[in-house]
Amino acid sequence: MNRGFSLTVYGISAAFFGCFLIWPILQILQGGFFVNGEFTLAFFGEVFSNPIYLEGLRNAFGMGLFSTILALLLALPLAFVADRYDFRGKAICLGAALLPIMLPPFVGAIGIQQILGRHGVFNVILAKLGFIDPSMPIDWLADGRFWGIVVLNALSLYPILYLNAAASLANIDPAMEEAAENLGCRGWKKFWKITLPLMRPGLFAGCTIVFIWAFTELGVPLIFNYPRVTSVQIFDGLKEVGDNPFPYALVTVMLVFSVGFYLIGKGLFGRNTFTMMAKASHAGGAKKPGALGQILCLSLFAGVSFLALLPHLAVVLISFSSNWYDTIMPTGWTLHNYDLALSNGLTVPAIRNSLFYAGLATIVNASFGLAIAYVVVRSKLPGRGVLDTLSMLPLAVPGLVMAFGYFTMAQEGKFFGFLNPIENPTWLLIIAYAVRKLPFMVRSAVAGLQQTSETYEEAAQNLGCPPVKAAFKVTLPLIMANLLAGAILAFSQSMLEVSDSLILAVKQEFYPITKAMFELMSLLGDGPYLACALGVWAMCFLAVTIIGANMLLGKKMGAIFRV
C-alpha cells in the first residue's frame, strides 16, 4: 500500500469531514449555547421547562421507541424463517420484504390518509357492514395521528432490522446451537439463551438506525399535520433561525438525545461480541418444512408485506384515479395524472434536479468511499479506525440535525455563506446527499475488500506494478459488484432524501422530487394526484435499485445499516 496515497486520503478526509460533518454540528451547538459570544444554558433549559417543547420531545421519543419495538417484532420472525427454512416462493418473499423501504414513510402517509380519513376506505367498509352511521364517519387520524405515525414508520423501516437480523443469523456458528441442544436446551429456550444473544450486536446496529430515523422523522408528521413533535417544531422555527435561538436549542437537544441513546444502547447491548467460525453455515442447510409449514412461512411473509405495502398500494390507486371519495375503490380511472406529472412545470424540473443532485453525490461517494475503505482495510497506518468511524457517523447523527446544521452554516455572513441555500442550494444539497449516504458506499467497499485476498495485489507488485495501479487493475474489478451495490443504494436513497430536501431547497426552481411531492400535497385540485403519480415513478425506480443491490450483496447488505 502506497503510504503517500494513504496520507493523502487522510488529509482530504479530515478536511471533508471537518467542513461538512463536524462544522455544521459545531454551528448548532454554538447557536444553542452561546449568545453574543457568552456561554449560556438558558435556552437549553427553557426547552425542558416549556410544556410545548417538552410535549414535542416526549412525542418524538415515543415515536422512536414504539416504532423500533414494532419494527423489531416484524423483522425478527421474518429473518428467522428466512434463515432456517426453505419454502416455495422464498426468493419472491425475500424481495417483497425489502420493498417497504423503497419510499420515504411520508409518501405512505398519503395512502394512509386515503384509507383512514373520514371518507376513506375503512369507514366505507364499516358503514357497509353496518358498524357505523355513514352520515357520521369516524376520523381515525384525528386523535390517532401519533400511533399512525408509529405504525407507518415501523412498516417502512423494519427492512433495516430484517437485513441486520438476517446477516446476524447467517454468521452464527451452528456448533453453538448444536451444543445447546445436546445439553437439553431446545425450542424457545435455545432462542432466548443462545441465538438471540449471538444476534445482539447486529440487532443493536439496526435498532439504533431505526430509532434515530423515527425519532427525527419529519415528513410523516408534516403530512399528518401533527405539529406536537420536535422535528416539526424545528422545521417551523427555520423561519426565525436568524433571530430566535430556540430552534438551535431544540436541534441541540435532539442531537444530544440521539447520541446519548446510541451510547447507552452500545453500553448495554453492544459491548459483548462473540467469536465464531469465519464462515458459519447450518448443518444440512435450511430445512424444508412440510405442506403446513410451507403455508405458514408464506402466510407470514405475505401478511407482513401486505400490511407494509398497503399504504403504497393506495398511492398507486390514487395515481390512476380521477375520483376516489367515499368509496372502497376509485370510481374513475385515468392515465392523465402521469401525463401531467411528466409535463408539469413543478414535477419535470424536480425530476431533473434530483437526477443531477443524486448523480453528482454518488460520484463523490464512489470515489471518496472507495479511497476510505481501501485505507481502512489495506493500510497499517494508526488512526484508520477513526477514519472508519467518521465515515459511519452520518448514520448515527439524525438527518434533520445535519440539514439544520447545513442551513445555518451557509447563512449570509458565515464562512460558507457562498453556499447559501436561499440563493442556490445545488451544491449544498449535493454535499448533504454525499455525506448522508457515504456510509452505504464505505461499507459496501469494505465488505468487498475484506473478501478479496491481498495476495493478488502483492503478486502484481512483485511483477513490477505500482501499488495504486495494482489496486485499480486487480482489486477494483474483483469488488465491482460491491461497489455497484453501494452506488445503487447511495443514488436511490439520495433521489428520495427527505430532511435535506425539505429544509435546504427553498426556491421552487431547485426543488428535488421529495420537496415537489410535499408541495403538491398542499395544492387543491390535481395536486395530490400528481404527487402520487410522481411517487409511483419514484417507487418503481427505487424498488428496482433496492432489489438489484440485494442481489449483488445478498445477506451482507445488512452491514450497510450498521454504525
Protein backbone atom coordinates (compact mmCIF):
# COMPACT_ATOMS: atom_id res chain seq x y z
CA MET A 1 0.00 0.00 0.00
CA ASN A 2 1.38 3.35 -1.01
CA ARG A 3 1.90 5.38 2.19
CA GLY A 4 1.63 8.64 0.28
CA PHE A 5 -1.80 7.63 -1.05
CA SER A 6 -2.99 6.79 2.48
CA LEU A 7 -1.78 10.10 3.87
CA THR A 8 -3.48 11.96 1.02
CA VAL A 9 -6.77 10.22 1.78
CA TYR A 10 -6.27 11.08 5.46
CA GLY A 11 -5.80 14.73 4.65
CA ILE A 12 -8.73 15.02 2.24
CA SER A 13 -10.97 13.09 4.63
CA ALA A 14 -10.03 15.31 7.55
CA ALA A 15 -10.86 18.43 5.54
CA PHE A 16 -14.11 16.99 4.17
CA PHE A 17 -15.46 15.67 7.47
CA GLY A 18 -14.25 18.74 9.30
CA CYS A 19 -16.10 21.12 6.94
CA PHE A 20 -19.27 19.16 6.25
CA LEU A 21 -19.78 16.91 9.27
CA ILE A 22 -18.15 18.45 12.34
CA TRP A 23 -18.54 22.13 11.42
CA PRO A 24 -22.35 22.00 10.93
CA ILE A 25 -22.71 20.30 14.32
CA LEU A 26 -20.50 22.95 15.95
CA GLN A 27 -22.65 25.68 14.40
CA ILE A 28 -25.72 24.14 16.01
CA LEU A 29 -24.01 23.89 19.40
CA GLN A 30 -22.80 27.47 19.12
CA GLY A 31 -26.29 28.72 18.32
CA GLY A 32 -27.81 26.81 21.22
CA PHE A 33 -25.23 27.55 23.93
CA PHE A 34 -23.69 30.91 23.02
CA VAL A 35 -25.26 34.37 22.84
CA ASN A 36 -23.06 37.32 21.86
CA GLY A 37 -20.04 35.12 22.43
CA GLU A 38 -21.02 34.18 26.01
CA PHE A 39 -21.88 30.67 27.11
CA THR A 40 -25.41 30.15 28.47
CA LEU A 41 -27.72 27.27 29.34
CA ALA A 42 -30.80 29.49 29.45
CA PHE A 43 -32.26 28.45 26.10
CA PHE A 44 -31.30 24.83 26.61
CA GLY A 45 -33.06 24.87 29.97
CA GLU A 46 -36.09 26.62 28.51
CA VAL A 47 -36.67 23.62 26.25
CA PHE A 48 -37.21 21.46 29.34
CA SER A 49 -39.39 23.99 31.15
CA ASN A 50 -41.62 24.90 28.20
CA PRO A 51 -44.58 22.47 28.12
CA ILE A 52 -44.89 22.74 24.33
CA TYR A 53 -41.27 21.76 23.76
CA LEU A 54 -41.49 19.02 26.40
CA GLU A 55 -44.55 17.54 24.74
CA GLY A 56 -42.72 17.57 21.42
CA LEU A 57 -39.75 15.71 22.91
CA ARG A 58 -42.00 13.15 24.60
CA ASN A 59 -43.82 12.50 21.36
CA ALA A 60 -40.56 12.28 19.41
CA PHE A 61 -39.14 9.79 21.93
CA GLY A 62 -42.35 7.78 21.82
CA MET A 63 -42.25 7.73 18.02
CA GLY A 64 -38.69 6.42 18.09
CA LEU A 65 -39.24 3.85 20.84
CA PHE A 66 -42.54 2.34 19.70
CA SER A 67 -41.54 2.39 16.02
CA THR A 68 -38.39 0.43 16.89
CA ILE A 69 -40.25 -2.10 19.04
CA LEU A 70 -42.88 -2.70 16.37
CA ALA A 71 -40.27 -2.91 13.61
CA LEU A 72 -38.33 -5.46 15.70
CA LEU A 73 -41.46 -7.57 16.22
CA LEU A 74 -41.99 -7.60 12.46
CA ALA A 75 -38.38 -8.19 11.42
CA LEU A 76 -37.27 -10.95 13.82
CA PRO A 77 -39.76 -13.64 12.74
CA LEU A 78 -39.16 -12.86 9.07
CA ALA A 79 -35.38 -13.10 9.44
CA PHE A 80 -35.58 -16.33 11.45
CA VAL A 81 -37.91 -18.03 8.97
CA ALA A 82 -35.83 -16.83 6.00
CA ASP A 83 -32.61 -18.17 7.55
CA ARG A 84 -33.86 -21.52 8.85
CA TYR A 85 -36.45 -22.66 6.29
CA ASP A 86 -36.55 -23.24 2.55
CA PHE A 87 -40.01 -22.93 1.02
CA ARG A 88 -41.58 -22.32 -2.36
CA GLY A 89 -41.63 -18.69 -3.42
CA LYS A 90 -38.90 -17.81 -0.92
CA ALA A 91 -37.00 -15.59 -3.36
CA ILE A 92 -40.13 -13.57 -4.10
CA CYS A 93 -40.91 -13.29 -0.39
CA LEU A 94 -37.42 -12.03 0.41
CA GLY A 95 -37.71 -9.39 -2.30
CA ALA A 96 -41.15 -8.32 -1.07
CA ALA A 97 -39.81 -7.98 2.47
CA LEU A 98 -37.41 -5.26 1.29
CA LEU A 99 -39.91 -3.28 -0.79
CA PRO A 100 -41.34 -1.14 2.06
CA ILE A 101 -38.06 0.76 2.33
CA MET A 102 -38.34 1.80 -1.31
CA LEU A 103 -40.10 5.07 -0.45
CA PRO A 104 -39.81 7.57 2.39
CA PRO A 105 -42.54 7.00 5.01
CA PHE A 106 -44.15 10.34 4.25
CA VAL A 107 -45.22 9.05 0.82
CA GLY A 108 -47.05 6.18 2.50
CA ALA A 109 -48.76 8.78 4.70
CA ILE A 110 -50.63 9.96 1.60
CA GLY A 111 -52.06 6.47 1.17
CA ILE A 112 -52.90 6.13 4.87
CA GLN A 113 -54.97 9.30 4.68
CA GLN A 114 -57.00 7.81 1.84
CA ILE A 115 -57.56 4.62 3.84
CA LEU A 116 -58.27 6.05 7.32
CA GLY A 117 -59.66 9.51 6.51
CA ARG A 118 -63.26 10.49 7.32
CA HIS A 119 -64.39 9.49 3.84
CA GLY A 120 -61.72 6.84 3.37
CA VAL A 121 -61.87 3.16 2.53
CA PHE A 122 -62.01 1.86 6.12
CA ASN A 123 -65.05 3.94 7.06
CA VAL A 124 -66.86 2.93 3.86
CA ILE A 125 -66.28 -0.76 4.67
CA LEU A 126 -67.52 -0.28 8.26
CA ALA A 127 -70.59 1.58 7.01
CA LYS A 128 -71.46 -1.16 4.51
CA LEU A 129 -71.15 -3.76 7.28
CA GLY A 130 -73.45 -1.69 9.49
CA PHE A 131 -70.92 -0.88 12.21
CA ILE A 132 -71.08 2.92 11.82
CA ASP A 133 -73.57 5.50 10.58
CA PRO A 134 -72.42 6.64 7.08
CA SER A 135 -73.59 10.18 7.88
CA MET A 136 -71.27 10.29 10.91
CA PRO A 137 -67.91 8.84 9.76
CA ILE A 138 -65.07 8.47 12.25
CA ASP A 139 -61.90 10.47 11.77
CA TRP A 140 -59.42 7.76 12.75
CA LEU A 141 -56.46 10.08 12.28
CA ALA A 142 -57.83 12.96 14.36
CA ASP A 143 -56.82 11.52 17.72
CA GLY A 144 -54.69 8.65 16.48
CA ARG A 145 -52.13 10.51 14.42
CA PHE A 146 -49.32 9.64 16.84
CA TRP A 147 -49.96 5.91 16.52
CA GLY A 148 -50.50 6.29 12.79
CA ILE A 149 -47.00 7.78 12.54
CA VAL A 150 -45.57 4.97 14.69
CA VAL A 151 -47.16 2.23 12.59
CA LEU A 152 -46.16 3.86 9.31
CA ASN A 153 -42.55 4.32 10.48
CA ALA A 154 -42.34 0.69 11.61
CA LEU A 155 -43.81 -0.64 8.37
CA SER A 156 -41.35 1.45 6.35
CA LEU A 157 -38.22 0.85 8.43
CA TYR A 158 -38.48 -2.80 9.51
CA PRO A 159 -36.43 -3.95 6.44
CA ILE A 160 -33.35 -2.35 8.06
CA LEU A 161 -33.79 -4.56 11.10
CA TYR A 162 -34.63 -7.52 8.90
CA LEU A 163 -31.37 -7.13 6.97
CA ASN A 164 -29.32 -6.89 10.15
CA ALA A 165 -31.10 -9.83 11.78
CA ALA A 166 -30.68 -11.98 8.65
CA ALA A 167 -26.96 -11.14 8.47
CA SER A 168 -26.53 -11.91 12.18
CA LEU A 169 -28.29 -15.28 11.87
CA ALA A 170 -26.17 -16.18 8.84
CA ASN A 171 -22.99 -15.56 10.86
CA ILE A 172 -23.96 -17.66 13.89
CA ASP A 173 -21.77 -20.72 14.31
CA PRO A 174 -24.19 -23.71 14.22
CA ALA A 175 -21.92 -25.58 16.62
CA MET A 176 -23.07 -23.30 19.45
CA GLU A 177 -26.73 -24.09 18.90
CA GLU A 178 -25.99 -27.79 18.42
CA ALA A 179 -24.05 -27.84 21.69
CA ALA A 180 -27.02 -26.25 23.48
CA GLU A 181 -29.36 -28.87 22.02
CA ASN A 182 -27.05 -31.67 23.19
CA LEU A 183 -27.36 -30.23 26.70
CA GLY A 184 -31.16 -30.22 26.51
CA CYS A 185 -31.67 -26.54 25.59
CA ARG A 186 -34.23 -26.53 22.79
CA GLY A 187 -37.04 -24.51 21.25
CA TRP A 188 -37.78 -21.07 22.69
CA LYS A 189 -35.27 -21.56 25.49
CA LYS A 190 -32.47 -22.07 22.95
CA PHE A 191 -33.58 -18.99 21.05
CA TRP A 192 -33.62 -16.75 24.14
CA LYS A 193 -30.46 -18.17 25.75
CA ILE A 194 -28.24 -18.79 22.71
CA THR A 195 -29.49 -17.42 19.39
CA LEU A 196 -30.77 -14.01 20.47
CA PRO A 197 -27.63 -13.06 22.48
CA LEU A 198 -25.47 -14.03 19.49
CA MET A 199 -27.60 -11.76 17.29
CA ARG A 200 -27.47 -8.85 19.75
CA PRO A 201 -24.70 -6.75 18.13
CA GLY A 202 -26.43 -6.86 14.74
CA LEU A 203 -29.84 -6.14 16.22
CA PHE A 204 -28.44 -3.22 18.18
CA ALA A 205 -26.99 -1.76 15.00
CA GLY A 206 -30.34 -1.99 13.23
CA CYS A 207 -32.37 -0.75 16.22
CA THR A 208 -30.10 2.28 16.53
CA ILE A 209 -30.73 3.33 12.93
CA VAL A 210 -34.49 2.72 13.13
CA PHE A 211 -34.79 4.62 16.42
CA ILE A 212 -32.85 7.66 15.19
CA TRP A 213 -34.78 7.79 11.90
CA ALA A 214 -38.16 7.50 13.66
CA PHE A 215 -37.13 9.88 16.49
CA THR A 216 -36.29 12.60 13.97
CA GLU A 217 -38.91 11.79 11.30
CA LEU A 218 -40.15 14.98 9.66
CA GLY A 219 -42.15 14.09 6.55
CA VAL A 220 -44.91 11.95 8.11
CA PRO A 221 -45.83 14.42 10.89
CA LEU A 222 -45.95 17.20 8.30
CA ILE A 223 -48.29 15.21 6.03
CA PHE A 224 -50.45 14.21 9.02
CA ASN A 225 -50.47 17.84 10.21
CA TYR A 226 -49.08 16.78 13.60
CA PRO A 227 -47.14 19.78 14.97
CA ARG A 228 -46.69 18.43 18.50
CA VAL A 229 -43.34 16.81 17.80
CA THR A 230 -39.82 18.24 17.95
CA SER A 231 -38.97 17.69 14.29
CA VAL A 232 -41.91 19.81 13.10
CA GLN A 233 -41.18 22.47 15.73
CA ILE A 234 -37.63 22.71 14.35
CA PHE A 235 -38.93 22.90 10.77
CA ASP A 236 -41.32 25.71 11.69
CA GLY A 237 -38.52 27.50 13.54
CA LEU A 238 -36.39 27.79 10.39
CA LYS A 239 -38.27 30.98 9.55
CA GLU A 240 -36.78 32.64 12.65
CA VAL A 241 -33.37 30.96 12.61
CA GLY A 242 -31.55 34.29 12.34
CA ASP A 243 -33.14 35.87 15.42
CA ASN A 244 -34.52 33.05 17.55
CA PRO A 245 -32.09 30.77 19.45
CA PHE A 246 -34.76 28.23 20.38
CA PRO A 247 -34.55 26.27 17.09
CA TYR A 248 -30.83 25.84 17.81
CA ALA A 249 -31.62 24.66 21.34
CA LEU A 250 -34.19 22.17 20.05
CA VAL A 251 -31.78 20.74 17.48
CA THR A 252 -29.07 20.55 20.17
CA VAL A 253 -31.39 18.59 22.46
CA MET A 254 -32.29 16.23 19.62
CA LEU A 255 -28.59 15.72 18.80
CA VAL A 256 -27.67 15.09 22.45
CA PHE A 257 -30.55 12.66 22.89
CA SER A 258 -29.69 10.74 19.71
CA VAL A 259 -26.02 10.37 20.65
CA GLY A 260 -26.97 9.59 24.25
CA PHE A 261 -29.39 6.84 23.25
CA TYR A 262 -26.75 5.36 20.99
CA LEU A 263 -24.08 5.34 23.70
CA ILE A 264 -26.43 3.91 26.32
CA GLY A 265 -27.56 1.19 23.94
CA LYS A 266 -23.98 0.48 22.95
CA GLY A 267 -23.02 0.09 26.59
CA LEU A 268 -25.98 -2.13 27.47
CA PHE A 269 -26.38 -4.24 24.34
CA GLY A 270 -23.37 -3.77 22.10
CA ARG A 271 -20.47 -4.43 24.44
CA ASN A 272 -20.11 -8.16 24.11
CA THR A 273 -19.32 -9.77 20.80
CA PHE A 274 -18.76 -13.46 20.29
CA THR A 275 -16.01 -15.04 18.23
CA MET A 276 -17.39 -17.64 15.81
CA MET A 277 -16.32 -19.52 12.75
CA ALA A 278 -15.39 -17.22 9.87
CA LYS A 279 -17.91 -18.85 7.54
CA ALA A 280 -20.81 -20.22 9.55
CA SER A 281 -23.30 -22.48 7.83
CA HIS A 282 -26.07 -24.53 9.32
CA ALA A 283 -25.63 -28.24 9.09
CA GLY A 284 -27.67 -29.56 6.21
CA GLY A 285 -28.66 -26.06 5.19
CA ALA A 286 -32.10 -24.58 5.62
CA LYS A 287 -34.85 -27.08 6.49
CA LYS A 288 -37.67 -27.78 4.08
CA PRO A 289 -40.93 -27.78 6.04
CA GLY A 290 -44.00 -29.84 5.22
CA ALA A 291 -47.12 -28.58 3.49
CA LEU A 292 -48.47 -26.84 6.61
CA GLY A 293 -45.06 -25.30 7.34
CA GLN A 294 -44.82 -24.03 3.77
CA ILE A 295 -48.21 -22.35 4.13
CA LEU A 296 -47.26 -20.79 7.47
CA CYS A 297 -43.98 -19.40 6.09
CA LEU A 298 -45.68 -17.93 3.04
CA SER A 299 -48.52 -16.54 5.17
CA LEU A 300 -46.07 -14.78 7.49
CA PHE A 301 -44.23 -13.04 4.65
CA ALA A 302 -47.44 -12.33 2.71
CA GLY A 303 -49.20 -10.85 5.76
CA VAL A 304 -46.36 -8.54 6.78
CA SER A 305 -45.63 -7.49 3.20
CA PHE A 306 -49.31 -6.76 2.52
CA LEU A 307 -49.64 -4.55 5.62
CA ALA A 308 -46.37 -2.77 4.84
CA LEU A 309 -47.23 -2.20 1.18
CA LEU A 310 -50.89 -1.29 1.71
CA PRO A 311 -50.17 2.48 2.03
CA HIS A 312 -48.10 2.33 -1.15
CA LEU A 313 -50.85 0.38 -2.91
CA ALA A 314 -53.25 3.19 -2.02
CA VAL A 315 -50.76 5.68 -3.50
CA VAL A 316 -50.69 3.66 -6.73
CA LEU A 317 -54.50 3.60 -6.91
CA ILE A 318 -54.71 7.35 -6.27
CA SER A 319 -52.23 7.97 -9.08
CA PHE A 320 -54.52 6.14 -11.55
CA SER A 321 -57.80 7.60 -10.27
CA SER A 322 -59.80 10.60 -11.37
CA ASN A 323 -62.22 10.39 -8.42
CA TRP A 324 -61.93 8.47 -5.15
CA TYR A 325 -64.26 9.81 -2.50
CA ASP A 326 -66.38 7.85 -0.03
CA THR A 327 -65.94 4.58 -1.95
CA ILE A 328 -63.91 1.41 -1.46
CA MET A 329 -62.24 1.72 -4.85
CA PRO A 330 -61.83 4.70 -7.19
CA THR A 331 -64.88 5.42 -9.31
CA GLY A 332 -62.88 6.81 -12.21
CA TRP A 333 -59.61 5.68 -13.79
CA THR A 334 -57.19 7.70 -15.87
CA LEU A 335 -53.60 8.00 -17.08
CA HIS A 336 -53.90 11.76 -17.20
CA ASN A 337 -52.12 12.13 -13.86
CA TYR A 338 -48.99 10.58 -15.34
CA ASP A 339 -49.18 12.81 -18.37
CA LEU A 340 -49.37 15.83 -16.08
CA ALA A 341 -46.61 14.51 -13.83
CA LEU A 342 -44.24 14.29 -16.79
CA SER A 343 -45.18 17.69 -18.21
CA ASN A 344 -45.94 19.78 -15.14
CA GLY A 345 -43.79 22.86 -14.54
CA LEU A 346 -43.05 21.70 -10.99
CA THR A 347 -42.51 17.95 -11.41
CA VAL A 348 -40.31 17.84 -14.52
CA PRO A 349 -37.64 20.21 -13.14
CA ALA A 350 -37.82 18.32 -9.82
CA ILE A 351 -37.03 15.02 -11.53
CA ARG A 352 -34.19 16.65 -13.45
CA ASN A 353 -32.85 18.29 -10.28
CA SER A 354 -32.94 15.05 -8.28
CA LEU A 355 -31.12 13.14 -11.02
CA PHE A 356 -28.42 15.82 -11.10
CA TYR A 357 -28.05 16.12 -7.31
CA ALA A 358 -28.06 12.37 -6.71
CA GLY A 359 -25.77 11.65 -9.67
CA LEU A 360 -23.02 14.02 -8.55
CA ALA A 361 -23.38 12.94 -4.92
CA THR A 362 -22.95 9.30 -5.98
CA ILE A 363 -19.81 10.13 -7.95
CA VAL A 364 -18.37 11.77 -4.82
CA ASN A 365 -19.42 8.75 -2.77
CA ALA A 366 -17.96 6.22 -5.18
CA SER A 367 -14.51 7.81 -5.33
CA PHE A 368 -14.33 9.03 -1.75
CA GLY A 369 -15.88 5.91 -0.20
CA LEU A 370 -13.59 3.54 -2.08
CA ALA A 371 -10.50 5.50 -1.03
CA ILE A 372 -11.56 5.47 2.63
CA ALA A 373 -12.39 1.76 2.54
CA TYR A 374 -9.03 0.96 0.94
CA VAL A 375 -7.13 2.82 3.64
CA VAL A 376 -9.21 1.22 6.41
CA VAL A 377 -8.79 -2.36 5.15
CA ARG A 378 -5.43 -2.36 3.38
CA SER A 379 -3.25 0.16 5.23
CA LYS A 380 -1.50 -0.27 8.57
CA LEU A 381 -1.43 3.40 9.48
CA PRO A 382 -2.56 4.30 13.01
CA GLY A 383 -5.91 6.05 13.27
CA ARG A 384 -7.58 4.27 10.36
CA GLY A 385 -10.27 3.14 12.80
CA VAL A 386 -11.10 6.79 13.47
CA LEU A 387 -11.48 7.35 9.74
CA ASP A 388 -13.85 4.39 9.55
CA THR A 389 -15.89 5.73 12.48
CA LEU A 390 -16.15 9.19 10.93
CA SER A 391 -17.39 7.72 7.66
CA MET A 392 -20.18 5.88 9.53
CA LEU A 393 -21.12 8.80 11.80
CA PRO A 394 -23.73 10.23 9.37
CA LEU A 395 -25.89 7.17 10.13
CA ALA A 396 -25.83 7.97 13.86
CA VAL A 397 -26.43 11.73 13.51
CA PRO A 398 -30.08 12.50 12.64
CA GLY A 399 -30.64 13.75 9.11
CA LEU A 400 -32.78 16.58 10.45
CA VAL A 401 -29.88 17.75 12.63
CA MET A 402 -27.42 17.68 9.73
CA ALA A 403 -29.85 19.52 7.42
CA PHE A 404 -30.39 22.22 10.06
CA GLY A 405 -26.62 22.49 10.51
CA TYR A 406 -26.06 22.95 6.78
CA PHE A 407 -28.80 25.58 6.64
CA THR A 408 -27.30 27.61 9.49
CA MET A 409 -23.64 27.36 8.49
CA ALA A 410 -24.43 28.72 4.99
CA GLN A 411 -26.35 31.78 6.11
CA GLU A 412 -25.27 35.16 4.76
CA GLY A 413 -22.21 36.45 6.58
CA LYS A 414 -20.99 32.98 7.60
CA PHE A 415 -17.80 31.35 6.30
CA PHE A 416 -19.83 29.09 3.99
CA GLY A 417 -22.20 31.90 3.01
CA PHE A 418 -21.36 31.34 -0.67
CA LEU A 419 -23.37 28.08 -0.37
CA ASN A 420 -26.46 29.91 0.92
CA PRO A 421 -29.43 27.63 0.10
CA ILE A 422 -31.82 30.57 -0.08
CA GLU A 423 -29.99 31.75 -3.20
CA ASN A 424 -28.99 28.42 -4.74
CA PRO A 425 -28.99 25.15 -2.77
CA THR A 426 -27.49 23.00 -5.55
CA TRP A 427 -24.01 22.42 -4.18
CA LEU A 428 -25.15 22.25 -0.56
CA LEU A 429 -27.71 19.58 -1.47
CA ILE A 430 -25.07 17.58 -3.35
CA ILE A 431 -22.73 17.80 -0.35
CA ALA A 432 -25.55 16.90 2.05
CA TYR A 433 -26.56 13.85 0.00
CA ALA A 434 -22.94 12.76 -0.34
CA VAL A 435 -22.26 12.99 3.40
CA ARG A 436 -25.53 11.34 4.43
CA LYS A 437 -25.17 8.38 2.03
CA LEU A 438 -21.40 7.90 2.28
CA PRO A 439 -21.76 5.00 4.78
CA PHE A 440 -23.50 2.90 2.12
CA MET A 441 -20.52 3.20 -0.19
CA VAL A 442 -17.87 2.72 2.52
CA ARG A 443 -19.47 -0.40 3.99
CA SER A 444 -20.02 -1.96 0.57
CA ALA A 445 -16.39 -1.33 -0.40
CA VAL A 446 -15.08 -2.57 2.96
CA ALA A 447 -17.08 -5.79 2.60
CA GLY A 448 -15.64 -6.37 -0.87
CA LEU A 449 -12.05 -5.66 0.19
CA GLN A 450 -12.33 -7.94 3.20
CA GLN A 451 -13.45 -10.78 0.93
CA THR A 452 -10.62 -10.21 -1.56
CA SER A 453 -7.21 -11.56 -0.67
CA GLU A 454 -4.38 -9.04 -0.61
CA THR A 455 -2.07 -11.63 -2.19
CA TYR A 456 -3.44 -10.75 -5.65
CA GLU A 457 -2.14 -7.20 -5.29
CA GLU A 458 1.16 -8.43 -3.85
CA ALA A 459 1.64 -10.73 -6.83
CA ALA A 460 1.05 -7.82 -9.21
CA GLN A 461 3.50 -5.65 -7.27
CA ASN A 462 6.12 -8.41 -7.42
CA LEU A 463 5.79 -8.24 -11.21
CA GLY A 464 6.60 -4.51 -11.15
CA CYS A 465 3.10 -2.99 -10.92
CA PRO A 466 2.97 0.06 -8.57
CA PRO A 467 0.68 -0.37 -5.51
CA VAL A 468 -2.02 2.09 -6.56
CA LYS A 469 -2.04 0.78 -10.14
CA ALA A 470 -2.26 -2.79 -8.81
CA ALA A 471 -5.28 -1.81 -6.75
CA PHE A 472 -7.07 -0.39 -9.80
CA LYS A 473 -6.05 -3.16 -12.20
CA VAL A 474 -6.50 -6.17 -9.90
CA THR A 475 -8.65 -5.42 -6.85
CA LEU A 476 -11.15 -3.00 -8.36
CA PRO A 477 -12.61 -5.50 -10.88
CA LEU A 478 -12.92 -8.13 -8.11
CA ILE A 479 -15.02 -5.87 -5.87
CA MET A 480 -17.05 -4.23 -8.63
CA ALA A 481 -20.29 -5.95 -7.55
CA ASN A 482 -19.94 -4.49 -4.05
CA LEU A 483 -19.19 -1.04 -5.44
CA LEU A 484 -22.19 -1.18 -7.77
CA ALA A 485 -24.46 -2.21 -4.90
CA GLY A 486 -23.22 0.64 -2.71
CA ALA A 487 -23.51 3.15 -5.54
CA ILE A 488 -27.04 1.98 -6.36
CA LEU A 489 -28.14 2.39 -2.76
CA ALA A 490 -26.46 5.77 -2.38
CA PHE A 491 -28.01 7.06 -5.61
CA SER A 492 -31.51 5.78 -4.95
CA GLN A 493 -31.58 6.98 -1.35
CA SER A 494 -30.28 10.39 -2.45
CA MET A 495 -33.06 10.63 -5.02
CA LEU A 496 -35.65 10.39 -2.25
CA GLU A 497 -33.88 12.09 0.66
CA VAL A 498 -36.44 13.93 2.82
CA SER A 499 -34.89 16.10 5.56
CA ASP A 500 -32.19 17.74 3.44
CA SER A 501 -34.62 18.31 0.57
CA LEU A 502 -37.41 19.84 2.65
CA ILE A 503 -35.10 22.16 4.61
CA LEU A 504 -32.44 23.18 2.07
CA ALA A 505 -34.49 23.50 -1.14
CA VAL A 506 -36.16 26.89 -0.68
CA LYS A 507 -36.80 28.13 -4.24
CA GLN A 508 -39.14 26.17 -6.50
CA GLU A 509 -36.68 26.03 -9.40
CA PHE A 510 -34.31 23.96 -7.23
CA TYR A 511 -36.89 21.56 -5.74
CA PRO A 512 -35.92 17.87 -5.77
CA ILE A 513 -38.59 15.18 -6.08
CA THR A 514 -39.48 14.91 -2.39
CA LYS A 515 -39.91 18.66 -1.95
CA ALA A 516 -42.08 18.80 -5.09
CA MET A 517 -44.27 15.98 -3.75
CA PHE A 518 -44.65 17.76 -0.42
CA GLU A 519 -45.68 21.00 -2.11
CA LEU A 520 -48.12 19.21 -4.45
CA MET A 521 -49.90 17.61 -1.49
CA SER A 522 -50.87 21.06 -0.21
CA LEU A 523 -52.40 22.13 -3.53
CA LEU A 524 -56.09 21.80 -4.33
CA GLY A 525 -57.37 20.03 -7.42
CA ASP A 526 -54.86 17.78 -9.18
CA GLY A 527 -52.05 18.37 -6.65
CA PRO A 528 -52.42 15.14 -4.59
CA TYR A 529 -52.96 13.06 -7.74
CA LEU A 530 -49.79 14.48 -9.29
CA ALA A 531 -47.89 13.85 -6.06
CA CYS A 532 -48.98 10.20 -6.09
CA ALA A 533 -48.07 9.78 -9.76
CA LEU A 534 -44.64 11.20 -9.02
CA GLY A 535 -44.42 8.92 -6.00
CA VAL A 536 -45.21 5.83 -8.08
CA TRP A 537 -42.48 6.75 -10.58
CA ALA A 538 -40.03 7.08 -7.69
CA MET A 539 -41.34 3.89 -6.07
CA CYS A 540 -40.70 1.82 -9.18
CA PHE A 541 -37.25 3.32 -9.63
CA LEU A 542 -36.19 2.69 -6.04
CA ALA A 543 -37.72 -0.80 -5.94
CA VAL A 544 -35.53 -1.86 -8.87
CA THR A 545 -32.41 -0.39 -7.25
CA ILE A 546 -33.03 -1.96 -3.83
CA ILE A 547 -33.70 -5.39 -5.33
CA GLY A 548 -30.64 -5.05 -7.55
CA ALA A 549 -28.43 -4.11 -4.63
CA ASN A 550 -29.78 -7.04 -2.62
CA MET A 551 -28.99 -9.43 -5.48
CA LEU A 552 -25.41 -8.12 -5.60
CA LEU A 553 -24.76 -8.08 -1.84
CA GLY A 554 -27.10 -10.77 -0.54
CA LYS A 555 -27.18 -11.10 3.25
CA LYS A 556 -24.17 -8.79 3.56
CA MET A 557 -26.46 -5.89 2.67
CA GLY A 558 -27.36 -5.61 6.36
CA ALA A 559 -23.83 -4.42 7.15
CA ILE A 560 -24.59 -1.19 5.29
CA PHE A 561 -27.07 -0.17 8.00
CA ARG A 562 -24.66 -0.53 10.93
CA VAL A 563 -22.93 2.17 12.98
